Amino acid sequence: MKNILTLNAISPVINDVFDATYNVANDAEKPVGIMLRSFKMHDYALDENTLAIARAGAGTNNIPVEEYAKQGVVVFNTPGANANAVKELVLSTLFMASRNIIPAIEWVKTLKGQGDEVGKLVEKGKANFAGHEIKGKKLGVIGLGAIGALVANSAIDLGMQVYGYDPFLSVGAALRLSSKVTVVKELEDIAKNCDFITIHIPYIPDQNKGLINAGFIRKMKDGVVLINCARGEIVDNTDVVKATESGKIATYVVDFPADELIGAKNVICIPHLGASTEEAEENCAIMAAKQLIDYIENGNIVNSVNYPTLSMPRTTPHRLVILHKNTKNILAQITGTVGNEGINISNLTNQSKGDYAVTILDIDNAVSSDAIKHISQVENIIRVRVID
């Protein structure tokens, strides 16, 4: 029985993904795999049996990804599984902000108790909430990954002019993008051209903390609407509050409330609802479970944030999965050591990502514990797994 520990409530659909050889529970001991959502693992005592961790969602800031790479623990996420849910929330914020829907609703609540005068008061006061249509307006999308591309394409369908910025735009993402989206090379082009700006990039502390700050805000058009359903830290809250108070930013809509934002002028705080749909939670849970199973049973890696993508069909009953540092001649050292142990390699694949790499070997015969010990002792090898 293979134990899978859940550190958060995970959609019960995973029970249809894991078969009877798995025990999935929130109290599973010595787990080979862990599933979680927002649980903070930075101070978590990880069991030495744990092979992999699957985050049912895209962000992995709650997981010590680099530390786990050093331990040979593969960390997965589920990019794109919640993309439609976030896209729909972003589209709703376009309408909320442009039509002043939230303040208008709050104002209507003040009319309670006015009896037959409510109708007249509504007609008299509604002019204070007159907004703008989004059709024909310019939307800037920062980040054109799974979510950003969906937002951009949907905005095109709504009649908006869309500018997109993504210096790391992949071929696959580019192919999914509407040809009507204008892809710009400089982030400044988004600031100076767009009436609405929406953020869809991962938060990387040493690269984009406070990316949207006073300097960037000065380059924006007056009266811009800023939408942040990515991560709160990407925007400097102090600078954006000053901008909403001055009117430079007409409305800031954020899915990550902070004390300084709650109740601030022209700021709409949403309680992190981006991926909070039943469908998104199910999609993320299913994807995470399947990735865990494929790695545990076959050593294949898809959507890892700390190890390379690597997959190979099984060609023999016996497989070695070797996680190691990405160093010179390491592959030759691995194959040489395996050969010295009298093990015949039937098939092999290798891939690297930054400082780390993975080698998968399909072999013709079972491996002794002594052979595994000798392979593990090769310099820069982190972990050796045997899958029979």
Protein backbone atom coordinates (compact mmCIF):
# COMPACT_ATOMS: atom_id res chain seq x y z
CA MET A 1 0.00 0.00 0.00
CA LYS A 2 1.37 3.40 -1.01
CA ASN A 3 0.47 6.25 1.34
CA ILE A 4 -0.52 9.67 0.02
CA LEU A 5 -0.80 12.42 2.64
CA THR A 6 -3.20 15.33 2.11
CA LEU A 7 -2.24 18.51 3.95
CA ASN A 8 -5.36 20.39 2.85
CA ALA A 9 -8.87 19.33 1.93
CA ILE A 10 -8.58 18.02 -1.63
CA SER A 11 -11.54 17.39 -3.91
CA PRO A 12 -12.88 13.84 -3.40
CA VAL A 13 -12.61 13.24 -7.16
CA ILE A 14 -9.07 12.01 -6.47
CA ASN A 15 -10.62 8.84 -5.05
CA ASP A 16 -11.53 7.96 -8.63
CA VAL A 17 -7.93 8.52 -9.76
CA PHE A 18 -5.99 6.58 -7.12
CA ASP A 19 -6.61 2.85 -7.25
CA ALA A 20 -6.82 0.37 -4.38
CA THR A 21 -3.02 0.21 -4.04
CA TYR A 22 -3.04 3.72 -2.60
CA ASN A 23 -4.13 4.97 0.80
CA VAL A 24 -5.04 8.66 0.58
CA ALA A 25 -5.64 10.35 3.94
CA ASN A 26 -4.88 13.43 6.00
CA ASP A 27 -3.11 11.30 8.58
CA ALA A 28 -1.18 8.96 6.28
CA GLU A 29 2.19 8.00 7.76
CA LYS A 30 5.48 7.75 5.85
CA PRO A 31 3.87 9.03 2.67
CA VAL A 32 5.50 8.50 -0.72
CA GLY A 33 3.53 11.48 -1.98
CA ILE A 34 1.92 14.60 -0.56
CA MET A 35 -0.97 16.63 -1.96
CA LEU A 36 -1.75 20.15 -0.79
CA ARG A 37 -3.17 23.52 -1.74
CA SER A 38 -2.18 26.42 0.53
CA PHE A 39 -0.51 24.56 3.43
CA LYS A 40 2.82 26.25 4.25
CA MET A 41 5.61 23.68 4.11
CA HIS A 42 8.65 25.84 4.84
CA ASP A 43 8.84 24.60 8.45
CA TYR A 44 7.33 21.19 7.72
CA ALA A 45 9.27 18.07 8.77
CA LEU A 46 9.34 16.05 5.57
CA ASP A 47 9.46 12.27 5.88
CA GLU A 48 12.45 10.63 4.18
CA ASN A 49 10.08 8.29 2.30
CA THR A 50 8.45 11.17 0.46
CA LEU A 51 9.26 11.11 -3.25
CA ALA A 52 7.07 13.92 -4.54
CA ILE A 53 4.75 16.76 -3.61
CA ALA A 54 1.83 17.88 -5.76
CA ARG A 55 0.35 21.34 -5.37
CA ALA A 56 -3.27 21.42 -6.55
CA GLY A 57 -2.83 24.86 -8.10
CA ALA A 58 -0.24 26.91 -9.93
CA GLY A 59 1.62 28.86 -7.23
CA THR A 60 4.28 27.11 -5.14
CA ASN A 61 5.41 29.94 -2.85
CA ASN A 62 4.21 27.90 0.12
CA ILE A 63 6.68 25.11 -0.70
CA PRO A 64 10.50 25.21 -0.25
CA VAL A 65 11.04 24.14 -3.83
CA GLU A 66 14.84 24.53 -3.95
CA GLU A 67 15.39 22.76 -0.63
CA TYR A 68 13.28 19.83 -1.79
CA ALA A 69 15.24 19.66 -5.06
CA LYS A 70 18.40 19.19 -3.00
CA GLN A 71 16.68 16.29 -1.22
CA GLY A 72 15.54 14.65 -4.44
CA VAL A 73 11.88 15.45 -3.87
CA VAL A 74 10.03 16.40 -7.03
CA VAL A 75 7.52 19.24 -6.67
CA PHE A 76 4.60 19.38 -9.11
CA ASN A 77 2.03 22.07 -9.78
CA THR A 78 -1.02 22.12 -12.03
CA PRO A 79 -0.68 24.99 -14.52
CA GLY A 80 -3.79 25.66 -16.55
CA ALA A 81 -6.12 23.50 -14.49
CA ASN A 82 -7.74 26.54 -12.88
CA ALA A 83 -7.19 28.89 -15.82
CA ASN A 84 -10.82 29.16 -16.87
CA ALA A 85 -11.97 29.94 -13.33
CA VAL A 86 -9.47 32.80 -13.01
CA LYS A 87 -10.30 34.05 -16.50
CA GLU A 88 -13.99 34.29 -15.64
CA LEU A 89 -13.23 36.22 -12.45
CA VAL A 90 -11.01 38.65 -14.37
CA LEU A 91 -13.72 39.24 -16.95
CA SER A 92 -16.19 39.95 -14.17
CA THR A 93 -13.82 42.53 -12.69
CA LEU A 94 -13.65 44.36 -16.02
CA PHE A 95 -17.38 44.93 -15.80
CA MET A 96 -17.39 45.62 -12.06
CA ALA A 97 -14.78 48.35 -12.39
CA SER A 98 -15.95 49.93 -15.64
CA ARG A 99 -19.61 50.16 -14.55
CA ASN A 100 -19.01 51.05 -10.87
CA ILE A 101 -21.14 48.09 -9.88
CA ILE A 102 -19.78 47.56 -6.36
CA PRO A 103 -20.16 51.16 -5.10
CA ALA A 104 -23.54 51.38 -6.80
CA ILE A 105 -24.81 48.30 -4.98
CA GLU A 106 -23.47 49.62 -1.68
CA TRP A 107 -25.27 52.94 -2.28
CA VAL A 108 -28.57 51.19 -2.96
CA LYS A 109 -28.33 49.57 0.48
CA THR A 110 -28.52 53.05 2.02
CA LEU A 111 -31.99 53.51 0.54
CA LYS A 112 -33.49 50.87 2.79
CA GLY A 113 -36.48 52.25 4.67
CA GLN A 114 -37.35 54.95 2.11
CA GLY A 115 -40.55 53.16 1.13
CA ASP A 116 -42.22 54.43 -2.05
CA GLU A 117 -39.43 56.98 -2.53
CA VAL A 118 -36.88 54.29 -3.46
CA GLY A 119 -37.70 54.38 -7.16
CA LYS A 120 -37.37 58.16 -7.38
CA LEU A 121 -34.16 58.16 -5.36
CA VAL A 122 -32.66 55.51 -7.62
CA GLU A 123 -33.41 57.53 -10.75
CA LYS A 124 -32.00 60.65 -9.15
CA GLY A 125 -28.82 59.05 -7.79
CA LYS A 126 -27.83 56.59 -10.51
CA ALA A 127 -26.01 59.29 -12.48
CA ASN A 128 -23.32 59.25 -9.80
CA PHE A 129 -22.38 55.74 -10.89
CA ALA A 130 -22.41 56.14 -14.67
CA GLY A 131 -19.57 54.08 -16.09
CA HIS A 132 -17.97 53.13 -19.36
CA GLU A 133 -18.38 50.27 -21.79
CA ILE A 134 -15.35 48.05 -22.30
CA LYS A 135 -15.95 47.58 -26.01
CA GLY A 136 -13.28 49.43 -27.96
CA LYS A 137 -11.15 50.03 -24.87
CA LYS A 138 -7.54 48.87 -24.65
CA LEU A 139 -6.65 46.02 -22.32
CA GLY A 140 -3.06 45.23 -21.37
CA VAL A 141 -2.33 41.65 -20.32
CA ILE A 142 0.94 41.15 -18.45
CA GLY A 143 1.79 37.48 -18.84
CA LEU A 144 0.42 35.35 -21.65
CA GLY A 145 0.49 31.91 -20.10
CA ALA A 146 -2.55 29.67 -19.63
CA ILE A 147 -4.64 32.32 -17.85
CA GLY A 148 -3.36 35.41 -19.63
CA ALA A 149 -3.99 33.91 -23.06
CA LEU A 150 -7.57 32.99 -22.14
CA VAL A 151 -8.19 36.50 -20.80
CA ALA A 152 -6.70 38.09 -23.92
CA ASN A 153 -8.73 35.95 -26.31
CA SER A 154 -11.97 36.51 -24.40
CA ALA A 155 -11.38 40.26 -24.32
CA ILE A 156 -10.93 40.23 -28.09
CA ASP A 157 -14.31 38.49 -28.37
CA LEU A 158 -15.79 41.25 -26.19
CA GLY A 159 -14.59 43.87 -28.67
CA MET A 160 -11.59 45.16 -26.76
CA GLN A 161 -8.21 46.04 -28.24
CA VAL A 162 -5.71 43.80 -26.48
CA TYR A 163 -2.01 44.31 -25.88
CA GLY A 164 0.01 41.45 -24.44
CA TYR A 165 3.43 41.38 -22.82
CA ASP A 166 5.41 38.25 -22.04
CA PRO A 167 9.19 38.05 -22.55
CA PHE A 168 9.02 34.29 -21.97
CA LEU A 169 6.18 33.57 -24.39
CA SER A 170 6.39 29.93 -25.43
CA VAL A 171 5.58 28.62 -28.88
CA GLY A 172 2.59 26.73 -27.51
CA ALA A 173 1.22 29.81 -25.76
CA ALA A 174 1.74 31.91 -28.89
CA LEU A 175 -0.23 29.41 -30.95
CA ARG A 176 -3.12 29.60 -28.48
CA LEU A 177 -3.20 33.38 -28.67
CA SER A 178 -5.61 35.20 -30.99
CA SER A 179 -3.88 36.79 -33.96
CA LYS A 180 -5.72 40.00 -33.03
CA VAL A 181 -3.69 40.38 -29.83
CA THR A 182 -0.87 42.90 -30.21
CA VAL A 183 2.20 41.43 -28.52
CA VAL A 184 4.56 44.19 -27.34
CA LYS A 185 8.23 43.90 -26.46
CA GLU A 186 8.35 46.39 -23.61
CA LEU A 187 6.28 46.49 -20.43
CA GLU A 188 6.15 50.28 -20.81
CA ASP A 189 4.02 49.82 -23.93
CA ILE A 190 1.32 48.29 -21.74
CA ALA A 191 1.45 51.23 -19.30
CA LYS A 192 1.22 54.03 -21.83
CA ASN A 193 -1.41 52.50 -24.14
CA CYS A 194 -3.95 50.66 -22.03
CA ASP A 195 -7.16 51.68 -20.27
CA PHE A 196 -7.26 48.41 -18.32
CA ILE A 197 -4.25 46.38 -17.15
CA THR A 198 -4.46 42.83 -15.79
CA ILE A 199 -1.57 40.85 -14.29
CA HIS A 200 -0.98 37.14 -14.97
CA ILE A 201 2.59 36.29 -14.05
CA PRO A 202 3.95 34.05 -11.28
CA TYR A 203 5.40 35.79 -8.25
CA ILE A 204 9.19 35.43 -8.11
CA PRO A 205 10.45 37.41 -5.08
CA ASP A 206 13.87 38.35 -6.44
CA GLN A 207 12.52 39.27 -9.87
CA ASN A 208 9.11 40.92 -9.73
CA LYS A 209 8.32 41.91 -6.15
CA GLY A 210 6.71 45.36 -6.41
CA LEU A 211 6.91 45.30 -10.21
CA ILE A 212 3.89 47.59 -10.33
CA ASN A 213 5.22 50.53 -8.34
CA ALA A 214 5.21 54.31 -8.38
CA GLY A 215 7.59 54.43 -11.34
CA PHE A 216 5.43 52.15 -13.44
CA ILE A 217 2.23 53.86 -12.33
CA ARG A 218 3.53 57.23 -13.52
CA LYS A 219 3.78 55.79 -17.03
CA MET A 220 0.13 54.64 -16.99
CA LYS A 221 -2.72 56.54 -18.56
CA ASP A 222 -4.77 58.63 -16.15
CA GLY A 223 -7.86 56.82 -14.92
CA VAL A 224 -6.57 53.32 -15.67
CA VAL A 225 -8.16 50.23 -14.11
CA LEU A 226 -5.61 47.82 -12.60
CA ILE A 227 -6.57 44.18 -11.97
CA ASN A 228 -4.42 41.79 -9.96
CA CYS A 229 -5.52 38.17 -9.79
CA ALA A 230 -1.93 36.89 -9.90
CA ARG A 231 -0.21 37.56 -6.57
CA GLY A 232 -0.48 40.48 -4.17
CA GLU A 233 3.28 40.99 -3.83
CA ILE A 234 3.67 41.90 -7.50
CA VAL A 235 2.03 45.25 -6.74
CA ASP A 236 3.40 47.78 -4.26
CA ASN A 237 0.34 48.41 -2.09
CA THR A 238 1.53 51.74 -0.72
CA ASP A 239 2.13 53.14 -4.19
CA VAL A 240 -1.13 51.86 -5.61
CA VAL A 241 -3.20 53.30 -2.74
CA LYS A 242 -1.65 56.71 -3.35
CA ALA A 243 -2.56 56.34 -7.02
CA THR A 244 -6.18 55.40 -6.31
CA GLU A 245 -6.53 58.30 -3.89
CA SER A 246 -5.22 60.76 -6.47
CA GLY A 247 -7.34 59.30 -9.27
CA LYS A 248 -4.34 58.24 -11.35
CA ILE A 249 -5.72 54.73 -10.98
CA ALA A 250 -9.51 54.82 -11.23
CA THR A 251 -9.94 51.41 -9.63
CA TYR A 252 -7.63 48.74 -8.29
CA VAL A 253 -9.23 45.29 -8.18
CA VAL A 254 -7.18 42.75 -6.24
CA ASP A 255 -7.83 39.12 -5.36
CA PHE A 256 -5.34 39.28 -2.47
CA PRO A 257 -6.65 41.54 0.33
CA ALA A 258 -4.20 43.25 2.67
CA ASP A 259 -4.91 45.43 5.65
CA GLU A 260 -3.76 48.61 3.92
CA LEU A 261 -6.02 47.89 0.94
CA ILE A 262 -9.26 47.09 2.76
CA GLY A 263 -11.48 50.16 2.76
CA ALA A 264 -9.02 52.21 0.70
CA LYS A 265 -10.52 54.62 -1.82
CA ASN A 266 -11.32 53.04 -5.18
CA VAL A 267 -9.91 49.66 -4.17
CA ILE A 268 -12.02 46.51 -4.57
CA CYS A 269 -10.72 43.58 -2.51
CA ILE A 270 -11.89 40.10 -3.48
CA PRO A 271 -11.18 37.27 -0.98
CA HIS A 272 -8.92 35.18 -3.24
CA LEU A 273 -11.72 33.69 -5.31
CA GLY A 274 -9.69 33.24 -8.51
CA ALA A 275 -9.56 29.46 -8.49
CA SER A 276 -12.36 28.95 -5.98
CA THR A 277 -14.80 27.05 -8.13
CA GLU A 278 -15.82 23.45 -7.78
CA GLU A 279 -14.71 22.80 -11.34
CA ALA A 280 -11.25 24.32 -10.87
CA GLU A 281 -10.64 22.45 -7.63
CA GLU A 282 -11.59 19.19 -9.31
CA ASN A 283 -9.40 19.88 -12.34
CA CYS A 284 -6.40 20.72 -10.15
CA ALA A 285 -6.91 17.69 -7.93
CA ILE A 286 -7.17 15.28 -10.86
CA MET A 287 -4.10 16.70 -12.59
CA ALA A 288 -2.06 16.65 -9.38
CA ALA A 289 -3.08 13.06 -8.60
CA LYS A 290 -2.23 11.81 -12.09
CA GLN A 291 1.18 13.49 -11.99
CA LEU A 292 1.95 11.91 -8.63
CA ILE A 293 0.90 8.45 -9.82
CA ASP A 294 2.94 8.65 -13.02
CA TYR A 295 6.04 9.66 -11.10
CA ILE A 296 5.60 7.11 -8.31
CA GLU A 297 4.88 4.23 -10.69
CA ASN A 298 6.98 5.17 -13.73
CA GLY A 299 9.36 7.95 -12.76
CA ASN A 300 7.89 10.24 -15.41
CA ILE A 301 7.91 13.95 -14.59
CA VAL A 302 5.37 16.41 -15.99
CA ASN A 303 4.81 19.96 -14.66
CA SER A 304 7.56 19.93 -12.06
CA VAL A 305 8.81 23.28 -10.79
CA ASN A 306 12.18 21.99 -9.57
CA TYR A 307 13.08 19.12 -11.91
CA PRO A 308 12.93 18.83 -15.71
CA THR A 309 10.05 17.44 -17.71
CA LEU A 310 11.00 13.88 -18.63
CA SER A 311 8.93 10.95 -19.80
CA MET A 312 9.72 7.58 -21.35
CA PRO A 313 7.44 4.60 -22.13
CA ARG A 314 8.26 1.45 -20.16
CA THR A 315 10.22 -1.02 -22.27
CA THR A 316 11.37 -3.44 -19.55
CA PRO A 317 9.96 -4.56 -16.19
CA HIS A 318 12.84 -2.86 -14.34
CA ARG A 319 13.56 0.86 -14.23
CA LEU A 320 16.06 3.12 -12.51
CA VAL A 321 15.19 6.77 -11.90
CA ILE A 322 18.21 8.82 -10.93
CA LEU A 323 17.93 12.42 -9.73
CA HIS A 324 21.24 14.25 -9.80
CA LYS A 325 23.02 17.56 -10.18
CA ASN A 326 23.46 18.88 -13.70
CA THR A 327 27.24 18.53 -13.87
CA LYS A 328 29.81 17.71 -16.55
CA ASN A 329 30.24 14.00 -17.42
CA ILE A 330 27.60 12.93 -14.91
CA LEU A 331 25.75 10.81 -17.48
CA ALA A 332 28.94 8.95 -18.39
CA GLN A 333 29.59 8.32 -14.70
CA ILE A 334 26.09 6.95 -14.23
CA THR A 335 26.14 4.61 -17.23
CA GLY A 336 29.68 3.50 -16.42
CA THR A 337 28.78 2.63 -12.85
CA VAL A 338 25.60 0.84 -13.92
CA GLY A 339 27.62 -1.18 -16.44
CA ASN A 340 30.25 -2.06 -13.85
CA GLU A 341 27.45 -3.54 -11.72
CA GLY A 342 26.60 -5.95 -14.55
CA ILE A 343 23.37 -4.15 -15.42
CA ASN A 344 22.41 -3.98 -19.10
CA ILE A 345 20.71 -0.75 -20.18
CA SER A 346 17.87 -1.34 -22.64
CA ASN A 347 16.71 2.26 -22.98
CA LEU A 348 17.77 5.63 -21.57
CA THR A 349 16.63 9.23 -21.46
CA ASN A 350 18.08 12.25 -19.70
CA GLN A 351 17.03 15.86 -19.24
CA SER A 352 18.24 18.82 -17.21
CA LYS A 353 16.70 21.96 -15.76
CA GLY A 354 19.01 24.53 -14.23
CA ASP A 355 21.15 22.90 -11.56
CA TYR A 356 19.25 19.61 -11.59
CA ALA A 357 18.77 16.70 -13.95
CA VAL A 358 17.03 13.34 -14.19
CA THR A 359 18.11 10.15 -15.91
CA ILE A 360 15.71 7.26 -16.54
CA LEU A 361 17.14 3.85 -17.36
CA ASP A 362 15.12 0.83 -18.45
CA ILE A 363 17.24 -2.19 -17.55
CA ASP A 364 17.03 -5.90 -18.37
CA ASN A 365 17.52 -7.34 -14.93
CA ALA A 366 16.68 -6.66 -11.31
CA VAL A 367 19.14 -4.60 -9.27
CA SER A 368 20.73 -5.66 -6.02
CA SER A 369 20.82 -3.42 -2.98
CA ASP A 370 24.61 -3.34 -3.21
CA ALA A 371 24.40 -2.09 -6.80
CA ILE A 372 22.01 0.67 -5.76
CA LYS A 373 24.40 1.63 -2.96
CA HIS A 374 27.30 1.89 -5.38
CA ILE A 375 25.29 3.95 -7.89
CA SER A 376 24.12 6.26 -5.10
CA GLN A 377 27.71 6.92 -4.12
CA VAL A 378 28.55 8.49 -7.48
CA GLU A 379 29.37 12.15 -6.90
CA ASN A 380 26.46 14.59 -7.45
CA ILE A 381 23.79 11.89 -7.44
CA ILE A 382 20.94 12.96 -5.15
CA ARG A 383 18.52 10.05 -5.23
CA VAL A 384 18.22 6.66 -6.89
CA ARG A 385 14.87 4.97 -7.28
CA VAL A 386 14.17 1.41 -8.38
CA ILE A 387 10.80 0.75 -10.03
CA ASP A 388 9.93 -2.90 -10.69
